[in-house]
Amino acid sequence: MLLGGSPFNNLELRKSPLQLRVEREIGTLIAECIDRDFPVMGACYGIGAIRTVIGATLSDEHAEEAGPITVSRAEAEDAVLGATPPTFDTRVGHKEALAALPEDPRVSVLVTGDACPTQMFRVGKNVYATQFHPELTAEALEFRLRLYAHLGYTSHETFETQIAKAYDYDYSANNQILANFARRYRR
């Protein structure tokens, strides 16, 4: 199962009935997947859904402006990380992030970052969550930044610079993570 982004943020103080319903239904599904160790890749909003089920703390303390960053592997061996190098380029853009993971032997931090310490983790053997966007290309990031320009994911002062900078990075290792997940769990 893949669970990607959403127009919703978990820390919103005022949530619509639709958002509350989505959170409740996705939460029920994710809890079942974690209980069964059923394969899930949760990116962006997906990390928040998985976070809720395992009891991790979410805050705006580690928010990152939309754009490219370099992250580091924390785990030496993982099938979904595959042969990605010790550091690789990826894309972020979030107003909220994990502040702390619970003390749970099922949870392993896989990738870290400077501004946002937990960029990827695994629950059990088959449930993955990324703060970054393994699905985005530079072109897709530009489209998303232009689409969300008014929502505060990047400042007006750095908007065009962030778009131009997106094309200067190599995202092949980042994109390989999603391909590895798909290859590992295809039927």
N, C-alpha and C. Protein backbone atom coordinates (compact mmCIF):
# COMPACT_ATOMS: atom_id res chain seq x y z
N MET A 1 0.84 -1.17 0.00
CA MET A 1 0.00 0.00 0.00
C MET A 1 0.89 1.24 0.00
N LEU A 2 0.54 2.21 -0.79
CA LEU A 2 1.22 3.50 -0.81
C LEU A 2 0.28 4.56 -0.24
N LEU A 3 0.80 5.39 0.64
CA LEU A 3 0.03 6.49 1.22
C LEU A 3 0.87 7.75 1.10
N GLY A 4 0.44 8.68 0.27
CA GLY A 4 1.22 9.87 -0.01
C GLY A 4 0.71 11.11 0.68
N GLY A 5 0.89 12.22 0.01
CA GLY A 5 0.56 13.52 0.56
C GLY A 5 -0.93 13.79 0.64
N SER A 6 -1.24 14.93 1.20
CA SER A 6 -2.64 15.30 1.45
C SER A 6 -2.71 16.81 1.62
N PRO A 7 -3.87 17.39 1.39
CA PRO A 7 -4.02 18.82 1.71
C PRO A 7 -4.14 19.07 3.21
N PHE A 8 -4.23 17.99 4.00
CA PHE A 8 -4.40 18.12 5.45
C PHE A 8 -3.06 18.11 6.17
N ASN A 9 -3.00 18.80 7.29
CA ASN A 9 -1.87 18.75 8.21
C ASN A 9 -2.39 18.23 9.54
N ASN A 10 -1.65 17.34 10.16
CA ASN A 10 -2.09 16.72 11.41
C ASN A 10 -2.21 17.71 12.56
N LEU A 11 -1.41 18.78 12.54
CA LEU A 11 -1.39 19.73 13.66
C LEU A 11 -2.42 20.85 13.53
N GLU A 12 -3.23 20.82 12.49
CA GLU A 12 -4.24 21.87 12.34
C GLU A 12 -5.15 21.91 13.56
N LEU A 13 -5.39 23.11 14.07
CA LEU A 13 -6.25 23.23 15.24
C LEU A 13 -7.73 23.08 14.88
N ARG A 14 -8.08 23.54 13.72
CA ARG A 14 -9.46 23.41 13.25
C ARG A 14 -9.49 22.41 12.10
N LYS A 15 -10.15 21.31 12.34
CA LYS A 15 -10.23 20.27 11.31
C LYS A 15 -11.67 20.14 10.84
N SER A 16 -11.82 20.04 9.54
CA SER A 16 -13.14 19.86 8.96
C SER A 16 -13.66 18.46 9.27
N PRO A 17 -14.97 18.26 9.16
CA PRO A 17 -15.51 16.91 9.33
C PRO A 17 -14.87 15.91 8.35
N LEU A 18 -14.57 16.38 7.13
CA LEU A 18 -13.93 15.51 6.14
C LEU A 18 -12.54 15.10 6.63
N GLN A 19 -11.75 16.05 7.12
CA GLN A 19 -10.41 15.71 7.60
C GLN A 19 -10.49 14.74 8.77
N LEU A 20 -11.38 14.96 9.69
CA LEU A 20 -11.52 14.05 10.84
C LEU A 20 -11.89 12.64 10.39
N ARG A 21 -12.79 12.56 9.40
CA ARG A 21 -13.18 11.25 8.88
C ARG A 21 -12.00 10.57 8.19
N VAL A 22 -11.26 11.31 7.36
CA VAL A 22 -10.10 10.76 6.66
C VAL A 22 -9.07 10.26 7.68
N GLU A 23 -8.77 11.06 8.70
CA GLU A 23 -7.80 10.65 9.72
C GLU A 23 -8.26 9.39 10.44
N ARG A 24 -9.53 9.31 10.76
CA ARG A 24 -10.06 8.15 11.47
C ARG A 24 -9.97 6.89 10.59
N GLU A 25 -10.39 7.00 9.33
CA GLU A 25 -10.41 5.84 8.45
C GLU A 25 -9.01 5.40 8.06
N ILE A 26 -8.13 6.35 7.75
CA ILE A 26 -6.75 5.99 7.43
C ILE A 26 -6.06 5.42 8.67
N GLY A 27 -6.34 6.00 9.83
CA GLY A 27 -5.75 5.50 11.07
C GLY A 27 -6.13 4.06 11.34
N THR A 28 -7.39 3.71 11.10
CA THR A 28 -7.86 2.34 11.28
C THR A 28 -7.13 1.40 10.32
N LEU A 29 -6.99 1.82 9.07
CA LEU A 29 -6.31 1.01 8.07
C LEU A 29 -4.83 0.83 8.41
N ILE A 30 -4.16 1.92 8.79
CA ILE A 30 -2.73 1.84 9.12
C ILE A 30 -2.51 0.98 10.36
N ALA A 31 -3.39 1.10 11.37
CA ALA A 31 -3.26 0.26 12.57
C ALA A 31 -3.34 -1.22 12.21
N GLU A 32 -4.24 -1.56 11.32
CA GLU A 32 -4.38 -2.95 10.86
C GLU A 32 -3.12 -3.40 10.10
N CYS A 33 -2.60 -2.53 9.25
CA CYS A 33 -1.37 -2.86 8.51
C CYS A 33 -0.20 -3.08 9.46
N ILE A 34 -0.06 -2.22 10.47
CA ILE A 34 1.03 -2.39 11.43
C ILE A 34 0.85 -3.69 12.22
N ASP A 35 -0.38 -3.97 12.67
CA ASP A 35 -0.63 -5.21 13.41
C ASP A 35 -0.27 -6.44 12.59
N ARG A 36 -0.53 -6.39 11.29
CA ARG A 36 -0.24 -7.54 10.41
C ARG A 36 1.14 -7.46 9.78
N ASP A 37 1.85 -6.36 10.00
CA ASP A 37 3.13 -6.09 9.34
C ASP A 37 2.95 -6.17 7.82
N PHE A 38 1.84 -5.60 7.36
CA PHE A 38 1.51 -5.56 5.94
C PHE A 38 2.29 -4.41 5.29
N PRO A 39 2.85 -4.62 4.10
CA PRO A 39 3.67 -3.59 3.46
C PRO A 39 2.95 -2.26 3.22
N VAL A 40 3.55 -1.20 3.75
CA VAL A 40 3.05 0.17 3.57
C VAL A 40 4.26 1.07 3.32
N MET A 41 4.10 1.99 2.39
CA MET A 41 5.06 3.08 2.20
C MET A 41 4.27 4.36 2.39
N GLY A 42 4.52 5.04 3.50
CA GLY A 42 3.84 6.30 3.79
C GLY A 42 4.80 7.46 3.62
N ALA A 43 4.53 8.32 2.67
CA ALA A 43 5.39 9.48 2.43
C ALA A 43 4.62 10.76 2.76
N CYS A 44 5.29 11.72 3.34
CA CYS A 44 4.71 13.03 3.66
C CYS A 44 3.53 12.86 4.64
N TYR A 45 2.32 13.03 4.20
CA TYR A 45 1.16 12.85 5.08
C TYR A 45 1.13 11.42 5.64
N GLY A 46 1.63 10.48 4.87
CA GLY A 46 1.68 9.09 5.31
C GLY A 46 2.51 8.88 6.56
N ILE A 47 3.59 9.66 6.72
CA ILE A 47 4.40 9.54 7.93
C ILE A 47 3.59 9.98 9.15
N GLY A 48 2.73 10.97 8.96
CA GLY A 48 1.88 11.43 10.05
C GLY A 48 0.85 10.39 10.46
N ALA A 49 0.30 9.69 9.47
CA ALA A 49 -0.69 8.65 9.77
C ALA A 49 -0.05 7.49 10.53
N ILE A 50 1.13 7.09 10.09
CA ILE A 50 1.84 6.01 10.78
C ILE A 50 2.27 6.48 12.17
N ARG A 51 2.73 7.72 12.25
CA ARG A 51 3.14 8.30 13.52
C ARG A 51 2.02 8.25 14.55
N THR A 52 0.82 8.56 14.14
CA THR A 52 -0.32 8.57 15.05
C THR A 52 -0.55 7.19 15.66
N VAL A 53 -0.47 6.18 14.82
CA VAL A 53 -0.74 4.81 15.28
C VAL A 53 0.32 4.33 16.27
N ILE A 54 1.59 4.66 16.03
CA ILE A 54 2.65 4.15 16.92
C ILE A 54 2.90 5.06 18.12
N GLY A 55 2.25 6.21 18.18
CA GLY A 55 2.39 7.09 19.33
C GLY A 55 3.60 8.00 19.30
N ALA A 56 4.13 8.30 18.11
CA ALA A 56 5.25 9.24 18.00
C ALA A 56 4.73 10.67 18.18
N THR A 57 5.63 11.58 18.51
CA THR A 57 5.28 12.98 18.74
C THR A 57 5.50 13.78 17.47
N LEU A 58 4.54 14.59 17.11
CA LEU A 58 4.60 15.44 15.94
C LEU A 58 4.65 16.89 16.39
N SER A 59 5.43 17.71 15.67
CA SER A 59 5.47 19.14 15.99
C SER A 59 5.86 19.92 14.75
N ASP A 60 5.85 21.25 14.88
CA ASP A 60 6.31 22.09 13.77
C ASP A 60 7.78 22.48 13.97
N GLU A 61 8.42 21.93 14.99
CA GLU A 61 9.81 22.24 15.32
C GLU A 61 10.79 21.90 14.19
N HIS A 62 10.50 20.85 13.43
CA HIS A 62 11.41 20.40 12.38
C HIS A 62 10.85 20.63 10.98
N ALA A 63 9.99 21.61 10.83
CA ALA A 63 9.46 21.94 9.51
C ALA A 63 10.61 22.32 8.58
N GLU A 64 10.45 22.02 7.30
CA GLU A 64 11.48 22.34 6.31
C GLU A 64 10.83 23.00 5.11
N GLU A 65 11.43 24.10 4.67
CA GLU A 65 10.94 24.78 3.48
C GLU A 65 11.06 23.84 2.29
N ALA A 66 10.12 23.93 1.37
CA ALA A 66 10.12 23.06 0.20
C ALA A 66 11.38 23.24 -0.62
N GLY A 67 11.98 22.12 -0.99
CA GLY A 67 13.16 22.15 -1.82
C GLY A 67 14.05 20.95 -1.59
N PRO A 68 15.19 20.94 -2.25
CA PRO A 68 16.11 19.80 -2.13
C PRO A 68 16.97 19.87 -0.88
N ILE A 69 17.28 18.69 -0.34
CA ILE A 69 18.20 18.57 0.80
C ILE A 69 19.04 17.30 0.60
N THR A 70 20.07 17.14 1.40
CA THR A 70 20.86 15.93 1.43
C THR A 70 20.62 15.25 2.77
N VAL A 71 20.35 13.93 2.73
CA VAL A 71 20.08 13.15 3.93
C VAL A 71 21.12 12.05 4.07
N SER A 72 21.15 11.41 5.25
CA SER A 72 22.13 10.37 5.54
C SER A 72 21.44 9.09 6.01
N ARG A 73 21.96 7.97 5.56
CA ARG A 73 21.46 6.68 6.04
C ARG A 73 21.90 6.48 7.48
N ALA A 74 20.99 5.98 8.30
CA ALA A 74 21.31 5.64 9.68
C ALA A 74 21.42 4.14 9.84
N GLU A 75 20.75 3.41 9.00
CA GLU A 75 20.71 1.94 9.05
C GLU A 75 21.59 1.40 7.93
N ALA A 76 22.49 0.50 8.26
CA ALA A 76 23.42 -0.03 7.27
C ALA A 76 22.73 -0.94 6.26
N GLU A 77 21.81 -1.77 6.72
CA GLU A 77 21.15 -2.74 5.84
C GLU A 77 19.64 -2.59 5.91
N ASP A 78 19.03 -2.45 4.76
CA ASP A 78 17.57 -2.45 4.67
C ASP A 78 17.21 -2.72 3.21
N ALA A 79 16.26 -3.62 2.99
CA ALA A 79 15.89 -4.01 1.63
C ALA A 79 15.35 -2.85 0.81
N VAL A 80 14.58 -1.97 1.41
CA VAL A 80 14.00 -0.85 0.66
C VAL A 80 15.05 0.22 0.39
N LEU A 81 15.97 0.44 1.31
CA LEU A 81 17.07 1.37 1.03
C LEU A 81 18.00 0.79 -0.02
N GLY A 82 18.11 -0.54 -0.05
CA GLY A 82 18.92 -1.19 -1.07
C GLY A 82 20.35 -0.68 -1.08
N ALA A 83 20.84 -0.35 -2.26
CA ALA A 83 22.22 0.09 -2.43
C ALA A 83 22.35 1.62 -2.47
N THR A 84 21.39 2.34 -1.88
CA THR A 84 21.53 3.80 -1.85
C THR A 84 22.81 4.15 -1.10
N PRO A 85 23.47 5.22 -1.49
CA PRO A 85 24.74 5.59 -0.84
C PRO A 85 24.51 6.11 0.59
N PRO A 86 25.59 6.29 1.35
CA PRO A 86 25.47 6.77 2.73
C PRO A 86 24.78 8.13 2.84
N THR A 87 24.97 9.00 1.85
CA THR A 87 24.22 10.27 1.78
C THR A 87 23.64 10.38 0.38
N PHE A 88 22.45 10.98 0.29
CA PHE A 88 21.83 11.16 -1.03
C PHE A 88 20.90 12.36 -1.00
N ASP A 89 20.58 12.84 -2.19
CA ASP A 89 19.71 14.01 -2.34
C ASP A 89 18.25 13.59 -2.39
N THR A 90 17.40 14.44 -1.84
CA THR A 90 15.96 14.20 -1.85
C THR A 90 15.25 15.54 -1.81
N ARG A 91 13.94 15.51 -1.76
CA ARG A 91 13.14 16.73 -1.70
C ARG A 91 12.20 16.68 -0.50
N VAL A 92 12.04 17.84 0.12
CA VAL A 92 11.15 17.97 1.27
C VAL A 92 10.25 19.18 1.07
N GLY A 93 9.38 19.36 2.01
CA GLY A 93 8.48 20.51 2.06
C GLY A 93 7.35 20.16 3.00
N HIS A 94 7.51 20.51 4.26
CA HIS A 94 6.48 20.15 5.24
C HIS A 94 6.46 21.16 6.38
N LYS A 95 5.26 21.36 6.90
CA LYS A 95 5.05 22.29 8.02
C LYS A 95 5.14 21.60 9.37
N GLU A 96 5.12 20.26 9.36
CA GLU A 96 5.16 19.47 10.59
C GLU A 96 6.02 18.23 10.35
N ALA A 97 6.58 17.72 11.42
CA ALA A 97 7.45 16.54 11.30
C ALA A 97 7.53 15.84 12.65
N LEU A 98 8.14 14.68 12.65
CA LEU A 98 8.31 13.94 13.89
C LEU A 98 9.25 14.68 14.83
N ALA A 99 8.83 14.83 16.06
CA ALA A 99 9.69 15.40 17.10
C ALA A 99 10.40 14.28 17.84
N ALA A 100 9.70 13.15 18.03
CA ALA A 100 10.29 12.01 18.74
C ALA A 100 9.53 10.74 18.40
N LEU A 101 10.28 9.67 18.21
CA LEU A 101 9.69 8.35 18.02
C LEU A 101 9.53 7.68 19.38
N PRO A 102 8.56 6.79 19.52
CA PRO A 102 8.40 6.11 20.80
C PRO A 102 9.51 5.08 21.03
N GLU A 103 9.75 4.75 22.27
CA GLU A 103 10.66 3.65 22.61
C GLU A 103 9.92 2.37 22.27
N ASP A 104 10.20 1.83 21.11
CA ASP A 104 9.48 0.66 20.62
C ASP A 104 10.48 -0.18 19.82
N PRO A 105 10.71 -1.42 20.21
CA PRO A 105 11.71 -2.23 19.50
C PRO A 105 11.34 -2.50 18.05
N ARG A 106 10.09 -2.30 17.67
CA ARG A 106 9.69 -2.50 16.27
C ARG A 106 10.11 -1.34 15.37
N VAL A 107 10.48 -0.18 15.96
CA VAL A 107 10.74 1.03 15.18
C VAL A 107 12.24 1.23 14.99
N SER A 108 12.64 1.42 13.72
CA SER A 108 14.05 1.66 13.38
C SER A 108 14.16 2.92 12.53
N VAL A 109 15.03 3.84 12.92
CA VAL A 109 15.31 5.02 12.10
C VAL A 109 16.23 4.58 10.98
N LEU A 110 15.87 4.91 9.74
CA LEU A 110 16.64 4.49 8.57
C LEU A 110 17.42 5.63 7.93
N VAL A 111 16.84 6.84 7.91
CA VAL A 111 17.46 7.99 7.26
C VAL A 111 17.27 9.21 8.15
N THR A 112 18.33 10.01 8.27
CA THR A 112 18.28 11.23 9.09
C THR A 112 18.62 12.45 8.24
N GLY A 113 18.28 13.61 8.78
CA GLY A 113 18.60 14.87 8.12
C GLY A 113 19.02 15.90 9.15
N ASP A 114 19.58 17.00 8.68
CA ASP A 114 20.06 18.04 9.61
C ASP A 114 18.90 18.79 10.27
N ALA A 115 18.02 19.37 9.49
CA ALA A 115 16.93 20.18 10.06
C ALA A 115 15.83 19.31 10.66
N CYS A 116 15.59 18.17 10.06
CA CYS A 116 14.56 17.23 10.51
C CYS A 116 15.24 15.89 10.76
N PRO A 117 15.50 15.56 12.02
CA PRO A 117 16.31 14.37 12.34
C PRO A 117 15.77 13.04 11.81
N THR A 118 14.46 12.84 11.82
CA THR A 118 13.90 11.57 11.34
C THR A 118 13.30 11.78 9.96
N GLN A 119 14.03 11.36 8.94
CA GLN A 119 13.55 11.49 7.56
C GLN A 119 12.91 10.19 7.06
N MET A 120 13.28 9.05 7.65
CA MET A 120 12.68 7.78 7.25
C MET A 120 12.80 6.80 8.41
N PHE A 121 11.73 6.04 8.64
CA PHE A 121 11.78 4.98 9.64
C PHE A 121 10.97 3.79 9.17
N ARG A 122 11.16 2.67 9.87
CA ARG A 122 10.44 1.44 9.57
C ARG A 122 9.81 0.94 10.86
N VAL A 123 8.60 0.40 10.74
CA VAL A 123 7.92 -0.26 11.85
C VAL A 123 7.82 -1.74 11.48
N GLY A 124 8.34 -2.59 12.34
CA GLY A 124 8.37 -4.02 12.01
C GLY A 124 9.31 -4.24 10.84
N LYS A 125 8.92 -5.14 9.95
CA LYS A 125 9.77 -5.43 8.78
C LYS A 125 9.24 -4.81 7.51
N ASN A 126 7.97 -4.36 7.50
CA ASN A 126 7.35 -4.01 6.22
C ASN A 126 6.62 -2.68 6.16
N VAL A 127 6.58 -1.92 7.23
CA VAL A 127 5.89 -0.63 7.23
C VAL A 127 6.93 0.48 7.24
N TYR A 128 6.95 1.27 6.17
CA TYR A 128 7.95 2.33 5.99
C TYR A 128 7.27 3.69 5.97
N ALA A 129 8.01 4.68 6.45
CA ALA A 129 7.51 6.05 6.42
C ALA A 129 8.66 6.99 6.09
N THR A 130 8.40 7.93 5.18
CA THR A 130 9.40 8.93 4.82
C THR A 130 8.83 10.33 5.01
N GLN A 131 9.64 11.21 5.58
CA GLN A 131 9.28 12.62 5.66
C GLN A 131 9.51 13.26 4.29
N PHE A 132 10.56 12.81 3.62
CA PHE A 132 10.88 13.32 2.29
C PHE A 132 9.97 12.70 1.25
N HIS A 133 10.14 13.12 0.02
CA HIS A 133 9.29 12.66 -1.09
C HIS A 133 10.08 11.78 -2.05
N PRO A 134 10.05 10.45 -1.89
CA PRO A 134 10.79 9.59 -2.80
C PRO A 134 10.18 9.53 -4.19
N GLU A 135 8.95 10.02 -4.34
CA GLU A 135 8.25 9.95 -5.61
C GLU A 135 8.50 11.14 -6.53
N LEU A 136 9.04 12.22 -5.99
CA LEU A 136 9.15 13.44 -6.78
C LEU A 136 10.40 13.49 -7.65
N THR A 137 10.24 14.07 -8.81
CA THR A 137 11.34 14.47 -9.67
C THR A 137 11.45 15.99 -9.57
N ALA A 138 12.48 16.56 -10.15
CA ALA A 138 12.62 18.02 -10.13
C ALA A 138 11.41 18.68 -10.80
N GLU A 139 10.94 18.11 -11.89
CA GLU A 139 9.78 18.66 -12.60
C GLU A 139 8.53 18.59 -11.74
N ALA A 140 8.34 17.46 -11.05
CA ALA A 140 7.17 17.31 -10.19
C ALA A 140 7.25 18.26 -9.00
N LEU A 141 8.46 18.48 -8.47
CA LEU A 141 8.62 19.43 -7.37
C LEU A 141 8.25 20.83 -7.83
N GLU A 142 8.71 21.22 -9.01
CA GLU A 142 8.36 22.55 -9.52
C GLU A 142 6.84 22.69 -9.66
N PHE A 143 6.19 21.68 -10.22
CA PHE A 143 4.74 21.71 -10.37
C PHE A 143 4.06 21.88 -9.01
N ARG A 144 4.51 21.09 -8.04
CA ARG A 144 3.92 21.14 -6.70
C ARG A 144 4.15 22.49 -6.03
N LEU A 145 5.37 23.03 -6.15
CA LEU A 145 5.66 24.34 -5.55
C LEU A 145 4.76 25.42 -6.16
N ARG A 146 4.58 25.37 -7.46
CA ARG A 146 3.72 26.37 -8.11
C ARG A 146 2.26 26.19 -7.70
N LEU A 147 1.83 24.94 -7.56
CA LEU A 147 0.47 24.65 -7.14
C LEU A 147 0.20 25.11 -5.71
N TYR A 148 1.18 24.91 -4.82
CA TYR A 148 1.03 25.24 -3.40
C TYR A 148 1.67 26.57 -3.02
N ALA A 149 1.97 27.41 -3.99
CA ALA A 149 2.71 28.66 -3.73
C ALA A 149 2.08 29.51 -2.64
N HIS A 150 0.79 29.52 -2.54
CA HIS A 150 0.07 30.37 -1.58
C HIS A 150 -0.11 29.72 -0.20
N LEU A 151 0.39 28.48 -0.01
CA LEU A 151 0.14 27.76 1.24
C LEU A 151 1.30 27.80 2.24
N GLY A 152 2.38 28.51 1.91
CA GLY A 152 3.44 28.71 2.89
C GLY A 152 4.49 27.62 2.98
N TYR A 153 4.61 26.76 1.97
CA TYR A 153 5.64 25.73 2.00
C TYR A 153 7.01 26.28 1.60
N THR A 154 7.02 27.43 0.97
CA THR A 154 8.25 28.12 0.63
C THR A 154 7.98 29.62 0.67
N SER A 155 8.98 30.39 1.02
CA SER A 155 8.79 31.83 1.13
C SER A 155 8.75 32.47 -0.26
N HIS A 156 8.08 33.59 -0.36
CA HIS A 156 8.01 34.31 -1.64
C HIS A 156 9.39 34.76 -2.08
N GLU A 157 10.26 35.07 -1.12
CA GLU A 157 11.60 35.56 -1.43
C GLU A 157 12.47 34.48 -2.08
N THR A 158 12.28 33.23 -1.69
CA THR A 158 13.14 32.16 -2.20
C THR A 158 12.44 31.23 -3.19
N PHE A 159 11.22 31.53 -3.55
CA PHE A 159 10.40 30.65 -4.38
C PHE A 159 11.10 30.26 -5.69
N GLU A 160 11.48 31.21 -6.50
CA GLU A 160 12.10 30.92 -7.80
C GLU A 160 13.48 30.28 -7.62
N THR A 161 14.20 30.67 -6.58
CA THR A 161 15.51 30.07 -6.31
C THR A 161 15.36 28.60 -5.96
N GLN A 162 14.35 28.27 -5.15
CA GLN A 162 14.11 26.87 -4.78
C GLN A 162 13.79 26.03 -6.01
N ILE A 163 12.99 26.58 -6.92
CA ILE A 163 12.65 25.85 -8.14
C ILE A 163 13.90 25.62 -8.98
N ALA A 164 14.69 26.66 -9.18
CA ALA A 164 15.91 26.53 -9.99
C ALA A 164 16.87 25.53 -9.34
N LYS A 165 17.00 25.60 -8.03
CA LYS A 165 17.92 24.72 -7.30
C LYS A 165 17.49 23.25 -7.39
N ALA A 166 16.20 23.01 -7.53
CA ALA A 166 15.69 21.63 -7.60
C ALA A 166 16.31 20.86 -8.76
N TYR A 167 16.65 21.55 -9.83
CA TYR A 167 17.21 20.90 -11.01
C TYR A 167 18.71 20.64 -10.90
N ASP A 168 19.34 21.13 -9.84
CA ASP A 168 20.78 20.95 -9.65
C ASP A 168 21.15 19.68 -8.90
N TYR A 169 20.18 18.92 -8.46
CA TYR A 169 20.43 17.75 -7.62
C TYR A 169 20.19 16.45 -8.38
N ASP A 170 20.84 15.39 -7.92
CA ASP A 170 20.67 14.06 -8.47
C ASP A 170 19.74 13.29 -7.54
N TYR A 171 18.56 12.96 -8.03
CA TYR A 171 17.55 12.29 -7.20
C TYR A 171 17.46 10.79 -7.46
N SER A 172 18.42 10.22 -8.15
CA SER A 172 18.32 8.81 -8.52
C SER A 172 18.27 7.89 -7.30
N ALA A 173 19.07 8.14 -6.27
CA ALA A 173 19.03 7.29 -5.06
C ALA A 173 17.69 7.46 -4.34
N ASN A 174 17.22 8.68 -4.25
CA ASN A 174 15.93 8.97 -3.63
C ASN A 174 14.81 8.20 -4.35
N ASN A 175 14.76 8.29 -5.67
CA ASN A 175 13.72 7.61 -6.43
C ASN A 175 13.86 6.10 -6.37
N GLN A 176 15.09 5.61 -6.14
CA GLN A 176 15.33 4.17 -6.05
C GLN A 176 14.62 3.56 -4.85
N ILE A 177 14.43 4.31 -3.80
CA ILE A 177 13.75 3.80 -2.60
C ILE A 177 12.34 3.35 -2.94
N LEU A 178 11.61 4.17 -3.65
CA LEU A 178 10.24 3.81 -4.04
C LEU A 178 10.24 2.63 -5.00
N ALA A 179 11.19 2.61 -5.93
CA ALA A 179 11.30 1.48 -6.86
C ALA A 179 11.63 0.19 -6.11
N ASN A 180 12.51 0.27 -5.11
CA ASN A 180 12.85 -0.91 -4.31
C ASN A 180 11.63 -1.43 -3.56
N PHE A 181 10.84 -0.51 -3.00
CA PHE A 181 9.63 -0.91 -2.28
C PHE A 181 8.67 -1.64 -3.24
N ALA A 182 8.46 -1.05 -4.41
CA ALA A 182 7.54 -1.65 -5.39
C ALA A 182 8.04 -3.02 -5.84
N ARG A 183 9.32 -3.14 -6.09
CA ARG A 183 9.90 -4.41 -6.54
C ARG A 183 9.78 -5.48 -5.43
N ARG A 184 10.06 -5.08 -4.21
CA ARG A 184 10.03 -6.04 -3.10
C ARG A 184 8.64 -6.59 -2.85
N TYR A 185 7.61 -5.76 -2.99
CA TYR A 185 6.26 -6.18 -2.61
C TYR A 185 5.31 -6.43 -3.79
N ARG A 186 5.81 -6.39 -5.01
CA ARG A 186 4.91 -6.67 -6.14
C ARG A 186 4.44 -8.11 -6.08
N ARG A 187 3.26 -8.31 -6.62
CA ARG A 187 2.68 -9.67 -6.64
C ARG A 187 2.47 -10.13 -8.05
